[in-house]
C-alpha cells in the first residue's frame, strides 16, 4: 500500500531533481505545463515592477519551495492561502 501524499512527494522530488534539464530542453508550452504541475498560483505585480511577487506551490512541492525561500538572499515568497488570518 502506498500513501498518496508520500507518492506525490516522491514524484515531486524526481521532477525537481530533473527540472534544470527538463526546463532547458522544453519548449514554451512544455515549460508552462511544468509550472502548472508545481504551482497552484503565481502572483504578479502587473502595475509597478511587472514581476512575480509570490507563488503558491502545490502541496507535494511546498517543502522544496520552503527550502528555497529560506536560503540567504532568497527572493521567493510562498503563499499558503491563509494570509488574511
C-alpha atoms as a PDB file:
ATOM      1  CA  UNK A   1       0.000   0.000   0.000  1.00  0.00           C
ATOM      2  CA  UNK A   2       1.305   3.440  -0.935  1.00  0.00           C
ATOM      3  CA  UNK A   3       0.416   6.585   0.945  1.00  0.00           C
ATOM      4  CA  UNK A   4      -0.808   9.074  -1.727  1.00  0.00           C
ATOM      5  CA  UNK A   5       0.950  12.082  -0.172  1.00  0.00           C
ATOM      6  CA  UNK A   6       4.250  10.199   0.092  1.00  0.00           C
ATOM      7  CA  UNK A   7       3.947   9.036  -3.513  1.00  0.00           C
ATOM      8  CA  UNK A   8       3.189  12.569  -4.690  1.00  0.00           C
ATOM      9  CA  UNK A   9       6.140  13.931  -2.716  1.00  0.00           C
ATOM     10  CA  UNK A  10       8.419  11.299  -4.236  1.00  0.00           C
ATOM     11  CA  UNK A  11       7.272  12.200  -7.755  1.00  0.00           C
ATOM     12  CA  UNK A  12       7.725  15.896  -6.948  1.00  0.00           C
ATOM     13  CA  UNK A  13      11.274  15.210  -5.795  1.00  0.00           C
ATOM     14  CA  UNK A  14      12.082  13.411  -9.035  1.00  0.00           C
ATOM     15  CA  UNK A  15      10.686  16.282 -11.092  1.00  0.00           C
ATOM     16  CA  UNK A  16      12.629  18.897  -9.120  1.00  0.00           C
ATOM     17  CA  UNK A  17      15.838  16.862  -9.428  1.00  0.00           C
ATOM     18  CA  UNK A  18      15.467  16.757 -13.218  1.00  0.00           C
ATOM     19  CA  UNK A  19      13.985  20.253 -13.565  1.00  0.00           C
ATOM     20  CA  UNK A  20      17.063  22.112 -14.891  1.00  0.00           C
ATOM     21  CA  UNK A  21      17.496  19.574 -17.695  1.00  0.00           C
ATOM     22  CA  UNK A  22      13.768  19.367 -18.404  1.00  0.00           C
ATOM     23  CA  UNK A  23      13.423  23.163 -18.484  1.00  0.00           C
ATOM     24  CA  UNK A  24      16.364  23.614 -20.840  1.00  0.00           C
ATOM     25  CA  UNK A  25      15.044  21.019 -23.279  1.00  0.00           C
ATOM     26  CA  UNK A  26      11.384  22.086 -23.057  1.00  0.00           C
ATOM     27  CA  UNK A  27       9.599  24.380 -25.465  1.00  0.00           C
ATOM     28  CA  UNK A  28       7.396  27.178 -24.135  1.00  0.00           C
ATOM     29  CA  UNK A  29       4.268  25.000 -23.944  1.00  0.00           C
ATOM     30  CA  UNK A  30       6.145  22.261 -22.076  1.00  0.00           C
ATOM     31  CA  UNK A  31       7.618  24.833 -19.663  1.00  0.00           C
ATOM     32  CA  UNK A  32       4.081  26.071 -18.988  1.00  0.00           C
ATOM     33  CA  UNK A  33       2.981  22.504 -18.218  1.00  0.00           C
ATOM     34  CA  UNK A  34       5.904  22.085 -15.808  1.00  0.00           C
ATOM     35  CA  UNK A  35       4.848  25.215 -13.957  1.00  0.00           C
ATOM     36  CA  UNK A  36       1.213  24.096 -13.867  1.00  0.00           C
ATOM     37  CA  UNK A  37       2.385  20.817 -12.343  1.00  0.00           C
ATOM     38  CA  UNK A  38       4.217  22.587  -9.494  1.00  0.00           C
ATOM     39  CA  UNK A  39       2.153  25.688  -8.764  1.00  0.00           C
ATOM     40  CA  UNK A  40      -1.423  26.479  -7.801  1.00  0.00           C
ATOM     41  CA  UNK A  41      -0.932  30.216  -8.314  1.00  0.00           C
ATOM     42  CA  UNK A  42       1.602  32.843  -9.359  1.00  0.00           C
ATOM     43  CA  UNK A  43       1.145  36.421  -8.185  1.00  0.00           C
ATOM     44  CA  UNK A  44       2.464  39.216 -10.393  1.00  0.00           C
ATOM     45  CA  UNK A  45       2.842  42.916  -9.666  1.00  0.00           C
ATOM     46  CA  UNK A  46       1.441  43.975 -13.016  1.00  0.00           C
ATOM     47  CA  UNK A  47       1.218  47.654 -12.073  1.00  0.00           C
ATOM     48  CA  UNK A  48       4.694  48.522 -10.807  1.00  0.00           C
ATOM     49  CA  UNK A  49       7.544  46.045 -11.123  1.00  0.00           C
ATOM     50  CA  UNK A  50       5.880  43.721 -13.651  1.00  0.00           C
ATOM     51  CA  UNK A  51       7.482  40.791 -11.865  1.00  0.00           C
ATOM     52  CA  UNK A  52       6.464  37.727  -9.898  1.00  0.00           C
ATOM     53  CA  UNK A  53       5.985  38.641  -6.246  1.00  0.00           C
ATOM     54  CA  UNK A  54       4.812  35.323  -4.787  1.00  0.00           C
ATOM     55  CA  UNK A  55       3.918  31.743  -5.631  1.00  0.00           C
ATOM     56  CA  UNK A  56       1.549  29.182  -4.147  1.00  0.00           C
ATOM     57  CA  UNK A  57       3.091  25.743  -4.706  1.00  0.00           C
ATOM     58  CA  UNK A  58       1.039  22.582  -4.917  1.00  0.00           C
ATOM     59  CA  UNK A  59       1.266  20.507  -1.730  1.00  0.00           C
ATOM     60  CA  UNK A  60       3.917  17.987  -2.881  1.00  0.00           C
ATOM     61  CA  UNK A  61       6.215  20.830  -3.976  1.00  0.00           C
ATOM     62  CA  UNK A  62       5.751  23.032  -0.879  1.00  0.00           C
ATOM     63  CA  UNK A  63       8.780  21.602   1.015  1.00  0.00           C
ATOM     64  CA  UNK A  64      11.083  22.304  -1.934  1.00  0.00           C
ATOM     65  CA  UNK A  65       9.869  25.883  -2.246  1.00  0.00           C
ATOM     66  CA  UNK A  66      10.124  26.385   1.531  1.00  0.00           C
ATOM     67  CA  UNK A  67      13.779  25.324   1.482  1.00  0.00           C
ATOM     68  CA  UNK A  68      14.448  27.684  -1.434  1.00  0.00           C
ATOM     69  CA  UNK A  69      12.678  30.547   0.348  1.00  0.00           C
ATOM     70  CA  UNK A  70      14.861  30.117   3.462  1.00  0.00           C
ATOM     71  CA  UNK A  71      18.141  30.453   1.582  1.00  0.00           C
ATOM     72  CA  UNK A  72      20.201  33.564   2.125  1.00  0.00           C
ATOM     73  CA  UNK A  73      19.222  36.320  -0.335  1.00  0.00           C
ATOM     74  CA  UNK A  74      16.122  34.364  -1.383  1.00  0.00           C
ATOM     75  CA  UNK A  75      13.551  36.345  -3.317  1.00  0.00           C
ATOM     76  CA  UNK A  76      10.858  33.669  -3.158  1.00  0.00           C
ATOM     77  CA  UNK A  77       7.696  34.410  -1.197  1.00  0.00           C
ATOM     78  CA  UNK A  78       5.342  31.495  -0.636  1.00  0.00           C
ATOM     79  CA  UNK A  79       1.633  31.991  -0.063  1.00  0.00           C
ATOM     80  CA  UNK A  80      -0.428  29.365   1.695  1.00  0.00           C
ATOM     81  CA  UNK A  81      -3.913  30.818   1.276  1.00  0.00           C
ATOM     82  CA  UNK A  82      -4.225  31.922   4.901  1.00  0.00           C
ATOM     83  CA  UNK A  83      -2.592  35.341   4.585  1.00  0.00           C
ATOM     84  CA  UNK A  84      -5.740  37.149   5.796  1.00  0.00           C
ATOM     85  CA  UNK A  85      -5.783  35.226   9.114  1.00  0.00           C
END
